[in-house]
Amino acid sequence: MNIQQVDYFSYKLPLRSTFQTALGTIVDRQGFVVKIATSEGIIGMGEAAPLAGFGMESLAETRSALSEMSKLLAGRSIEQIDDVVAMLLPFAKTPAAKHGVELALLDLLAQSNQKSLAVYLNPLALDRVEVNAVIGAVNMAISIEQTQKILQQGYKCIKVKVGARSFEQDLQVLTAIRSVASDRIRVRIDANQAWSVDRAIDNLRQLEQLNIEYVEQPIAAWNLEGMAKVRASTNITIAADESVTNLEQLDRVIANRSADVIILKPMAMGGILTARRAAYIAFAAGLDVVITTTIDGSIARLGALHLAASLPEITRACGLATGDLLVKDLPYITPQPEQGFLKLPILTGLGLCPL
């Protein structure tokens, strides 16, 4: 296939509630839709949306990288995944931009091969992926109401945000959620680096009685030795999220034995190809993997779903049901959770359908 044109368009998607990252609070997601057309008439779509706190570039840097890539790729040909890897190798320092262009190129390749992206990546790909629901740092009454709704919707896993209020309040809310959910649902928590090492150990020991599936990023992302200490001091499984935004960081997490589960965000990793490579490095080290989004728009969420489906070795629910965290979305029809699962579109490539 010959690349004829690369275009990109900016967007801003407001969130229903604020989102806390390592570097502060955000109220919307901003990024770019990437559109690549070939001389054969095939169009591939991607999304580039940097997010502070996950090792990504600024929005201005994303725009600059997309401008450079659009000029470099025009007139080039692609026939296989290795061509995509070679083309985008110089853009590793702008992972969100790289993610957007890579996803569009993979969409093109999968369409030209008459396969879904997941099957193009792995012929043994799944046709659906288990996903978790999310409860933010809300009060007791809302937490109980949301838990009841989540149970009615058929989810088998909830992620609860902790660390934004006192631990006493977190403990009360988690106890109530566990009481409502009983043993019918797995409960995992995300501390977003909120605790010190000693506080994390103390808090997690108090939470052990609630059968928590795992705690995501309990302490500062850089403190891998501290993470290892926390891991050795509690029966609750430790998951690394912000600690893993590239392959070098993953190697350090593995070397320090800092986590049992690796959370992989394709946007932060610079694309689903790097995220797939990271997943197999983690599997080889005996670690579990969970694929999540960075509260992306519909195009990137669908890409992350295809990635997760291409990794049947994953045994835990993935964090891909994040579309309802947005007030409005990019104008494409995407799968909606059904009984705690997302089904892949029965179309070639990403399977995007305009609204």
Protein backbone atom coordinates (compact mmCIF):
# COMPACT_ATOMS: atom_id res chain seq x y z
CA MET A 1 0.00 0.00 0.00
CA ASN A 2 1.16 3.51 -0.75
CA ILE A 3 0.47 6.26 1.78
CA GLN A 4 -1.11 9.16 -0.04
CA GLN A 5 -1.91 11.60 2.77
CA VAL A 6 -1.67 11.96 6.57
CA ASP A 7 -4.08 14.35 8.28
CA TYR A 8 -4.74 15.12 11.94
CA PHE A 9 -7.50 17.07 13.68
CA SER A 10 -7.57 18.37 17.24
CA TYR A 11 -10.34 17.60 19.75
CA LYS A 12 -11.32 18.33 23.36
CA LEU A 13 -13.54 15.90 25.28
CA PRO A 14 -14.83 17.04 28.70
CA LEU A 15 -14.85 14.52 31.57
CA ARG A 16 -17.88 13.89 33.76
CA SER A 17 -15.70 14.37 36.84
CA THR A 18 -12.11 15.42 37.50
CA PHE A 19 -9.31 12.88 37.07
CA GLN A 20 -6.27 12.81 39.32
CA THR A 21 -2.85 12.06 37.84
CA ALA A 22 0.63 12.12 39.34
CA LEU A 23 0.99 15.75 38.23
CA GLY A 24 -2.44 17.14 39.03
CA THR A 25 -6.12 17.14 38.16
CA ILE A 26 -7.58 17.27 34.65
CA VAL A 27 -11.11 18.08 33.56
CA ASP A 28 -10.96 17.07 29.89
CA ARG A 29 -9.01 14.98 27.38
CA GLN A 30 -7.36 16.77 24.51
CA GLY A 31 -5.67 15.21 21.54
CA PHE A 32 -5.77 14.56 17.81
CA VAL A 33 -7.58 12.21 15.48
CA VAL A 34 -5.16 10.82 12.89
CA LYS A 35 -6.38 9.90 9.41
CA ILE A 36 -4.15 8.17 6.86
CA ALA A 37 -5.31 7.55 3.30
CA THR A 38 -3.67 5.25 0.75
CA SER A 39 -3.64 5.43 -3.02
CA GLU A 40 -5.69 2.20 -2.97
CA GLY A 41 -8.56 4.06 -1.28
CA ILE A 42 -8.17 2.56 2.22
CA ILE A 43 -8.40 4.90 5.21
CA GLY A 44 -6.83 4.13 8.59
CA MET A 45 -7.71 5.95 11.80
CA GLY A 46 -5.68 6.62 14.94
CA GLU A 47 -5.71 8.81 18.02
CA ALA A 48 -2.95 10.74 19.77
CA ALA A 49 -3.82 12.09 23.25
CA PRO A 50 -0.98 12.78 25.71
CA LEU A 51 -1.75 12.75 29.45
CA ALA A 52 0.38 14.35 32.14
CA GLY A 53 1.86 11.96 34.70
CA PHE A 54 2.34 8.98 32.39
CA GLY A 55 5.64 9.87 30.72
CA MET A 56 4.08 11.40 27.62
CA GLU A 57 4.90 14.55 25.71
CA SER A 58 2.93 17.81 25.84
CA LEU A 59 0.03 18.53 23.51
CA ALA A 60 2.21 20.99 21.60
CA GLU A 61 4.91 18.35 21.19
CA THR A 62 2.30 15.89 19.95
CA ARG A 63 1.16 18.37 17.31
CA SER A 64 4.76 19.01 16.21
CA ALA A 65 5.53 15.28 15.95
CA LEU A 66 2.36 14.64 13.95
CA SER A 67 3.31 17.43 11.58
CA GLU A 68 6.74 15.90 11.06
CA MET A 69 5.36 12.39 10.60
CA SER A 70 2.74 13.53 8.10
CA LYS A 71 5.49 14.90 5.87
CA LEU A 72 7.80 11.90 6.28
CA LEU A 73 5.16 9.24 5.63
CA ALA A 74 3.51 10.74 2.54
CA GLY A 75 4.48 8.66 -0.48
CA ARG A 76 5.92 5.78 1.58
CA SER A 77 4.65 2.22 1.22
CA ILE A 78 3.76 -0.31 3.91
CA GLU A 79 3.23 -4.03 3.50
CA GLN A 80 3.79 -5.48 6.97
CA ILE A 81 4.19 -4.64 10.66
CA ASP A 82 7.98 -4.37 10.35
CA ASP A 83 7.48 -1.44 7.96
CA VAL A 84 5.42 0.37 10.61
CA VAL A 85 8.03 -0.27 13.29
CA ALA A 86 10.85 1.03 11.09
CA MET A 87 8.96 4.15 10.05
CA LEU A 88 8.09 5.21 13.58
CA LEU A 89 11.34 4.29 15.35
CA PRO A 90 12.57 7.95 15.42
CA PHE A 91 9.46 9.07 17.33
CA ALA A 92 9.86 7.10 20.56
CA LYS A 93 10.16 10.31 22.60
CA THR A 94 6.64 11.37 21.62
CA PRO A 95 4.66 8.24 22.54
CA ALA A 96 1.16 9.71 22.13
CA ALA A 97 1.90 10.94 18.61
CA LYS A 98 3.57 7.63 17.77
CA HIS A 99 0.55 5.76 19.13
CA GLY A 100 -1.83 7.73 16.92
CA VAL A 101 0.07 7.18 13.67
CA GLU A 102 0.91 3.56 14.48
CA LEU A 103 -2.73 2.74 15.17
CA ALA A 104 -3.82 4.27 11.87
CA LEU A 105 -1.14 2.32 9.97
CA LEU A 106 -2.13 -0.94 11.68
CA ASP A 107 -5.76 -0.22 10.86
CA LEU A 108 -4.72 0.06 7.21
CA LEU A 109 -2.73 -3.19 7.27
CA ALA A 110 -5.51 -5.16 8.95
CA GLN A 111 -8.10 -3.84 6.49
CA SER A 112 -5.92 -4.67 3.51
CA ASN A 113 -5.56 -8.21 4.85
CA GLN A 114 -9.33 -8.49 5.43
CA LYS A 115 -8.88 -9.19 9.13
CA SER A 116 -9.80 -7.50 12.36
CA LEU A 117 -6.81 -5.81 13.97
CA ALA A 118 -6.84 -8.32 16.85
CA VAL A 119 -6.75 -11.30 14.49
CA TYR A 120 -4.14 -9.60 12.31
CA LEU A 121 -1.94 -9.34 15.42
CA ASN A 122 -2.77 -12.88 16.60
CA PRO A 123 -4.84 -15.47 14.70
CA LEU A 124 -5.84 -16.89 18.11
CA ALA A 125 -7.25 -13.58 19.32
CA LEU A 126 -10.36 -13.54 21.50
CA ASP A 127 -13.66 -12.12 20.28
CA ARG A 128 -14.44 -10.48 23.61
CA VAL A 129 -12.54 -9.14 26.63
CA GLU A 130 -13.60 -8.97 30.27
CA VAL A 131 -13.57 -5.41 31.63
CA ASN A 132 -13.90 -3.78 35.04
CA ALA A 133 -16.29 -1.06 36.13
CA VAL A 134 -14.96 2.04 37.92
CA ILE A 135 -16.07 3.85 41.06
CA GLY A 136 -14.37 7.18 41.68
CA ALA A 137 -13.59 8.87 44.99
CA VAL A 138 -17.28 9.47 45.78
CA ASN A 139 -19.19 9.39 49.05
CA MET A 140 -20.67 6.35 50.76
CA ALA A 141 -24.20 6.70 49.41
CA ILE A 142 -23.07 7.11 45.81
CA SER A 143 -20.59 4.23 46.15
CA ILE A 144 -23.33 1.90 47.34
CA GLU A 145 -25.69 3.07 44.59
CA GLN A 146 -23.04 2.59 41.91
CA THR A 147 -22.09 -0.86 43.25
CA GLN A 148 -25.71 -1.99 43.05
CA LYS A 149 -25.95 -0.70 39.48
CA ILE A 150 -22.69 -2.40 38.51
CA LEU A 151 -23.96 -5.72 39.86
CA GLN A 152 -27.18 -5.33 37.88
CA GLN A 153 -25.13 -4.69 34.74
CA GLY A 154 -23.35 -8.02 35.17
CA TYR A 155 -19.81 -6.84 35.89
CA LYS A 156 -17.59 -9.23 37.85
CA CYS A 157 -14.90 -6.68 38.72
CA ILE A 158 -14.87 -3.13 40.16
CA LYS A 159 -11.97 -0.72 40.43
CA VAL A 160 -12.31 1.81 43.25
CA LYS A 161 -10.28 5.02 43.47
CA VAL A 162 -8.67 5.54 46.88
CA GLY A 163 -6.16 7.97 48.37
CA ALA A 164 -7.98 11.22 47.53
CA ARG A 165 -9.59 11.33 51.00
CA SER A 166 -8.68 10.04 54.44
CA PHE A 167 -7.93 6.34 54.72
CA GLU A 168 -10.68 6.01 57.30
CA GLN A 169 -13.17 7.18 54.68
CA ASP A 170 -11.67 4.86 52.07
CA LEU A 171 -11.95 1.94 54.48
CA GLN A 172 -15.59 2.72 55.25
CA VAL A 173 -16.47 2.97 51.56
CA LEU A 174 -14.62 -0.23 50.62
CA THR A 175 -16.24 -2.10 53.52
CA ALA A 176 -19.66 -0.97 52.30
CA ILE A 177 -18.87 -1.94 48.70
CA ARG A 178 -17.69 -5.38 49.78
CA SER A 179 -20.83 -5.79 51.93
CA VAL A 180 -23.11 -4.95 48.99
CA ALA A 181 -21.12 -6.99 46.48
CA SER A 182 -20.49 -9.93 48.84
CA ASP A 183 -18.23 -12.41 47.06
CA ARG A 184 -19.99 -11.98 43.71
CA ILE A 185 -17.48 -9.47 42.42
CA ARG A 186 -13.74 -8.78 42.50
CA VAL A 187 -12.73 -5.45 44.02
CA ARG A 188 -9.44 -3.81 43.04
CA ILE A 189 -8.25 -0.39 44.21
CA ASP A 190 -6.17 2.38 42.63
CA ALA A 191 -4.22 4.67 44.97
CA ASN A 192 -2.62 6.80 42.22
CA GLN A 193 0.67 7.09 44.19
CA ALA A 194 -1.14 8.64 47.16
CA TRP A 195 0.63 6.87 50.04
CA SER A 196 4.08 6.71 51.57
CA VAL A 197 5.71 3.31 51.96
CA ASP A 198 4.85 3.01 55.66
CA ARG A 199 1.31 4.30 55.14
CA ALA A 200 0.76 1.90 52.25
CA ILE A 201 1.86 -1.07 54.36
CA ASP A 202 -0.38 -0.05 57.25
CA ASN A 203 -3.38 0.68 55.02
CA LEU A 204 -3.09 -2.53 53.01
CA ARG A 205 -2.80 -4.67 56.11
CA GLN A 206 -6.10 -3.20 57.30
CA LEU A 207 -7.66 -3.92 53.89
CA GLU A 208 -6.58 -7.56 53.70
CA GLN A 209 -9.81 -8.69 55.34
CA LEU A 210 -11.82 -7.26 52.41
CA ASN A 211 -10.36 -9.65 49.81
CA ILE A 212 -8.92 -6.94 47.57
CA GLU A 213 -7.86 -8.29 44.16
CA TYR A 214 -4.93 -5.89 43.88
CA VAL A 215 -3.81 -2.36 44.65
CA GLU A 216 -2.67 -0.24 41.74
CA GLN A 217 0.32 2.08 42.24
CA PRO A 218 0.14 2.48 46.06
CA ILE A 219 3.25 4.70 46.27
CA ALA A 220 5.33 7.04 44.09
CA ALA A 221 6.07 5.60 40.66
CA TRP A 222 9.83 6.18 40.94
CA ASN A 223 10.20 4.34 44.26
CA LEU A 224 10.61 0.78 43.02
CA GLU A 225 12.51 -0.35 46.11
CA GLY A 226 9.67 1.01 48.21
CA MET A 227 7.16 -0.84 46.04
CA ALA A 228 9.10 -4.05 46.62
CA LYS A 229 9.00 -3.42 50.38
CA VAL A 230 5.24 -2.88 50.26
CA ARG A 231 4.82 -6.04 48.16
CA ALA A 232 6.77 -8.08 50.73
CA SER A 233 4.73 -6.68 53.61
CA THR A 234 1.14 -7.42 52.53
CA ASN A 235 -0.94 -10.26 51.17
CA ILE A 236 -2.60 -7.93 48.69
CA THR A 237 -1.26 -8.17 45.14
CA ILE A 238 0.67 -5.11 43.93
CA ALA A 239 0.13 -3.64 40.44
CA ALA A 240 2.47 -1.17 38.75
CA ASP A 241 0.87 1.51 36.57
CA GLU A 242 2.64 4.87 36.41
CA SER A 243 5.85 2.96 37.17
CA VAL A 244 5.68 1.40 33.69
CA THR A 245 5.48 3.81 30.75
CA ASN A 246 8.23 2.24 28.64
CA LEU A 247 10.20 -0.99 28.28
CA GLU A 248 13.15 0.26 30.32
CA GLN A 249 10.90 1.00 33.28
CA LEU A 250 9.29 -2.42 32.93
CA ASP A 251 12.74 -4.03 33.11
CA ARG A 252 13.45 -2.10 36.32
CA VAL A 253 10.14 -3.12 37.89
CA ILE A 254 10.92 -6.75 37.10
CA ALA A 255 14.50 -6.49 38.36
CA ASN A 256 13.36 -4.93 41.65
CA ARG A 257 10.47 -7.38 42.07
CA SER A 258 8.26 -4.38 42.66
CA ALA A 259 4.94 -5.76 41.38
CA ASP A 260 2.87 -8.84 40.60
CA VAL A 261 0.72 -7.20 37.91
CA ILE A 262 1.75 -4.82 35.13
CA ILE A 263 -0.77 -2.22 33.93
CA LEU A 264 -0.11 -1.32 30.29
CA LYS A 265 -1.54 1.79 28.65
CA PRO A 266 -0.96 1.75 24.87
CA MET A 267 -1.02 5.56 24.62
CA ALA A 268 1.73 5.87 27.24
CA MET A 269 3.77 3.01 25.75
CA GLY A 270 3.89 4.63 22.32
CA GLY A 271 1.50 2.24 20.61
CA ILE A 272 -0.03 -1.20 20.84
CA LEU A 273 3.00 -2.90 19.28
CA THR A 274 5.27 -1.76 22.13
CA ALA A 275 2.54 -2.61 24.64
CA ARG A 276 2.29 -6.14 23.17
CA ARG A 277 6.04 -6.55 23.46
CA ALA A 278 5.88 -5.34 27.06
CA ALA A 279 3.08 -7.81 27.81
CA TYR A 280 5.16 -10.76 26.65
CA ILE A 281 8.17 -9.54 28.64
CA ALA A 282 5.92 -9.42 31.71
CA PHE A 283 4.45 -12.88 31.00
CA ALA A 284 7.96 -14.32 30.65
CA ALA A 285 8.81 -12.88 34.08
CA GLY A 286 5.77 -14.60 35.61
CA LEU A 287 3.72 -11.42 35.96
CA ASP A 288 0.08 -10.78 35.11
CA VAL A 289 -0.92 -8.06 32.64
CA VAL A 290 -3.90 -5.72 32.48
CA ILE A 291 -4.57 -3.44 29.50
CA THR A 292 -6.17 -0.07 30.27
CA THR A 293 -6.80 3.24 28.56
CA THR A 294 -5.79 6.74 29.60
CA ILE A 295 -9.47 7.78 29.39
CA ASP A 296 -9.08 8.05 25.63
CA GLY A 297 -11.57 8.74 22.89
CA SER A 298 -13.40 6.00 20.99
CA ILE A 299 -10.62 5.33 18.46
CA ALA A 300 -7.86 4.67 21.00
CA ARG A 301 -10.22 2.70 23.26
CA LEU A 302 -11.05 0.42 20.35
CA GLY A 303 -7.35 0.00 19.61
CA ALA A 304 -6.72 -0.99 23.24
CA LEU A 305 -9.58 -3.50 23.02
CA HIS A 306 -8.02 -5.13 19.96
CA LEU A 307 -4.68 -5.24 21.79
CA ALA A 308 -6.22 -6.96 24.81
CA ALA A 309 -8.05 -9.44 22.58
CA SER A 310 -4.77 -10.29 20.86
CA LEU A 311 -3.35 -11.35 24.24
CA PRO A 312 -5.43 -14.38 25.32
CA GLU A 313 -2.84 -15.00 28.06
CA ILE A 314 -4.46 -12.17 30.06
CA THR A 315 -6.51 -13.61 32.92
CA ARG A 316 -7.70 -10.43 34.67
CA ALA A 317 -10.36 -7.90 33.68
CA CYS A 318 -9.02 -4.96 31.68
CA GLY A 319 -9.72 -1.27 32.19
CA LEU A 320 -11.31 -0.55 28.82
CA ALA A 321 -14.88 0.44 29.75
CA THR A 322 -14.01 4.11 30.20
CA GLY A 323 -16.18 5.75 27.55
CA ASP A 324 -18.84 6.74 30.07
CA LEU A 325 -16.26 8.86 31.91
CA LEU A 326 -16.55 11.34 29.02
CA VAL A 327 -19.39 13.83 28.66
CA LYS A 328 -19.05 13.47 24.88
CA ASP A 329 -16.93 11.20 22.71
CA LEU A 330 -15.43 11.07 19.24
CA PRO A 331 -18.22 10.41 16.70
CA TYR A 332 -17.81 6.67 16.25
CA ILE A 333 -19.89 3.72 17.35
CA THR A 334 -17.93 1.54 19.76
CA PRO A 335 -18.81 -1.64 21.68
CA GLN A 336 -20.67 -1.19 24.96
CA PRO A 337 -20.12 -3.47 27.98
CA GLU A 338 -22.42 -6.48 28.14
CA GLN A 339 -22.37 -8.52 31.35
CA GLY A 340 -18.86 -7.27 32.08
CA PHE A 341 -17.43 -7.95 28.61
CA LEU A 342 -16.65 -5.91 25.50
CA LYS A 343 -17.17 -7.68 22.19
CA LEU A 344 -14.97 -6.81 19.22
CA PRO A 345 -16.66 -5.40 16.11
CA ILE A 346 -17.25 -7.93 13.33
CA LEU A 347 -15.43 -5.77 10.79
CA THR A 348 -11.94 -5.51 9.34
CA GLY A 349 -9.28 -3.29 10.86
CA LEU A 350 -10.36 -1.38 13.96
CA GLY A 351 -13.99 -1.76 12.94
CA LEU A 352 -14.85 1.92 13.36
CA CYS A 353 -18.31 3.02 12.32
CA PRO A 354 -19.18 6.74 12.21
CA LEU A 355 -22.25 7.80 14.20
